[in-house]
Amino acid sequence: MNFINTELFHYYEDRGSSLYYFQFWTGLSYYSEIRKWIWADGTILSSGLIQLPDPSHGTDAGGACVYLQVGAVKLGRCEEALFCICEKMKKPVRKN
């Protein structure tokens, strides 16, 4: 994880008065139907591996996906197009 955190600091945008560090999708998404965090390859997140915020707060119908930004774990909407640090591409979110 130290390598990943170090690499994240290389991707930023200078916004004049401050630096904005980009978010990176980790390959981890929350599936509310089964109440589990699932990696992009379909495996379930091992308990205790990562401390995650409650996915029921601040998410919408697009689901919750885990992002890293400046070494912090954050939740965001899965339909956002962001950088990836995973081996597989994120599957598109189906709209009903």
Protein backbone atom coordinates (compact mmCIF):
# COMPACT_ATOMS: atom_id res chain seq x y z
CA MET A 1 0.00 0.00 0.00
CA ASN A 2 2.93 2.37 0.59
CA PHE A 3 3.89 2.13 -3.09
CA ILE A 4 0.34 3.00 -4.16
CA ASN A 5 0.15 5.96 -1.78
CA THR A 6 3.49 7.28 -3.05
CA GLU A 7 2.38 6.96 -6.67
CA LEU A 8 -0.91 8.78 -6.02
CA PHE A 9 0.97 11.95 -5.11
CA HIS A 10 2.38 12.12 -8.67
CA TYR A 11 -1.06 12.77 -10.20
CA TYR A 12 -2.33 16.24 -9.42
CA GLU A 13 -3.50 19.47 -11.02
CA ASP A 14 -2.23 22.89 -9.99
CA ARG A 15 -5.31 25.06 -9.41
CA GLY A 16 -3.46 28.24 -8.55
CA SER A 17 -4.03 28.56 -4.83
CA SER A 18 -3.94 24.80 -4.20
CA LEU A 19 -3.13 21.41 -5.67
CA TYR A 20 -5.93 18.99 -6.54
CA TYR A 21 -4.94 15.32 -6.28
CA PHE A 22 -6.86 13.00 -8.59
CA GLN A 23 -8.97 10.09 -7.38
CA PHE A 24 -8.21 6.51 -8.42
CA TRP A 25 -10.75 3.71 -8.54
CA THR A 26 -9.50 0.63 -6.66
CA GLY A 27 -11.61 -2.01 -8.37
CA LEU A 28 -13.88 -2.35 -5.33
CA SER A 29 -17.66 -1.84 -5.55
CA TYR A 30 -20.52 -2.35 -3.10
CA TYR A 31 -23.40 -4.61 -4.15
CA SER A 32 -26.41 -3.73 -1.99
CA GLU A 33 -28.37 -6.82 -3.12
CA ILE A 34 -25.94 -9.08 -1.26
CA ARG A 35 -24.51 -6.42 1.11
CA LYS A 36 -20.94 -7.20 0.10
CA TRP A 37 -17.90 -5.37 -1.27
CA ILE A 38 -16.79 -7.07 -4.51
CA TRP A 39 -13.51 -6.67 -6.43
CA ALA A 40 -13.63 -6.14 -10.22
CA ASP A 41 -12.63 -9.80 -10.71
CA GLY A 42 -15.74 -10.94 -8.79
CA THR A 43 -14.09 -11.94 -5.52
CA ILE A 44 -15.50 -10.76 -2.19
CA LEU A 45 -13.41 -8.38 -0.07
CA SER A 46 -11.76 -10.17 2.86
CA SER A 47 -13.02 -8.85 6.19
CA GLY A 48 -10.60 -6.55 7.97
CA LEU A 49 -8.46 -5.92 4.87
CA ILE A 50 -9.55 -2.28 4.44
CA GLN A 51 -11.50 -0.01 6.80
CA LEU A 52 -14.39 1.31 4.67
CA PRO A 53 -17.06 3.94 5.36
CA ASP A 54 -20.71 2.86 5.46
CA PRO A 55 -21.87 2.65 1.81
CA SER A 56 -25.44 3.69 2.68
CA HIS A 57 -24.38 7.31 3.32
CA GLY A 58 -24.06 9.71 0.42
CA THR A 59 -24.46 7.26 -2.45
CA ASP A 60 -27.15 7.11 -5.09
CA ALA A 61 -28.70 4.53 -7.39
CA GLY A 62 -25.32 4.16 -9.15
CA GLY A 63 -23.92 2.30 -6.17
CA ALA A 64 -20.80 2.89 -4.13
CA CYS A 65 -17.27 2.43 -5.41
CA VAL A 66 -14.03 2.82 -3.47
CA TYR A 67 -11.49 5.42 -4.53
CA LEU A 68 -8.11 6.45 -3.18
CA GLN A 69 -7.16 10.10 -3.06
CA VAL A 70 -3.92 11.23 -1.44
CA GLY A 71 -3.79 7.94 0.47
CA ALA A 72 -7.32 8.23 1.89
CA VAL A 73 -10.07 5.70 1.20
CA LYS A 74 -13.21 7.42 -0.12
CA LEU A 75 -16.58 6.38 -1.49
CA GLY A 76 -17.97 7.75 -4.72
CA ARG A 77 -20.57 7.10 -7.38
CA CYS A 78 -19.68 4.16 -9.60
CA GLU A 79 -20.63 5.93 -12.82
CA GLU A 80 -17.91 8.57 -12.41
CA ALA A 81 -15.10 8.27 -14.96
CA LEU A 82 -11.86 8.37 -12.98
CA PHE A 83 -8.36 6.93 -13.16
CA CYS A 84 -7.86 3.25 -12.22
CA ILE A 85 -5.18 1.45 -10.27
CA CYS A 86 -6.65 -2.01 -10.75
CA GLU A 87 -5.78 -4.78 -13.19
CA LYS A 88 -9.23 -4.97 -14.80
CA MET A 89 -11.52 -2.34 -16.29
CA LYS A 90 -14.67 -1.34 -14.42
CA LYS A 91 -17.84 -2.80 -15.92
CA PRO A 92 -20.33 -0.15 -17.07
CA VAL A 93 -23.24 0.54 -14.73
CA ARG A 94 -26.58 -0.53 -16.20
CA LYS A 95 -29.25 2.17 -16.30
CA ASN A 96 -32.86 1.04 -15.91
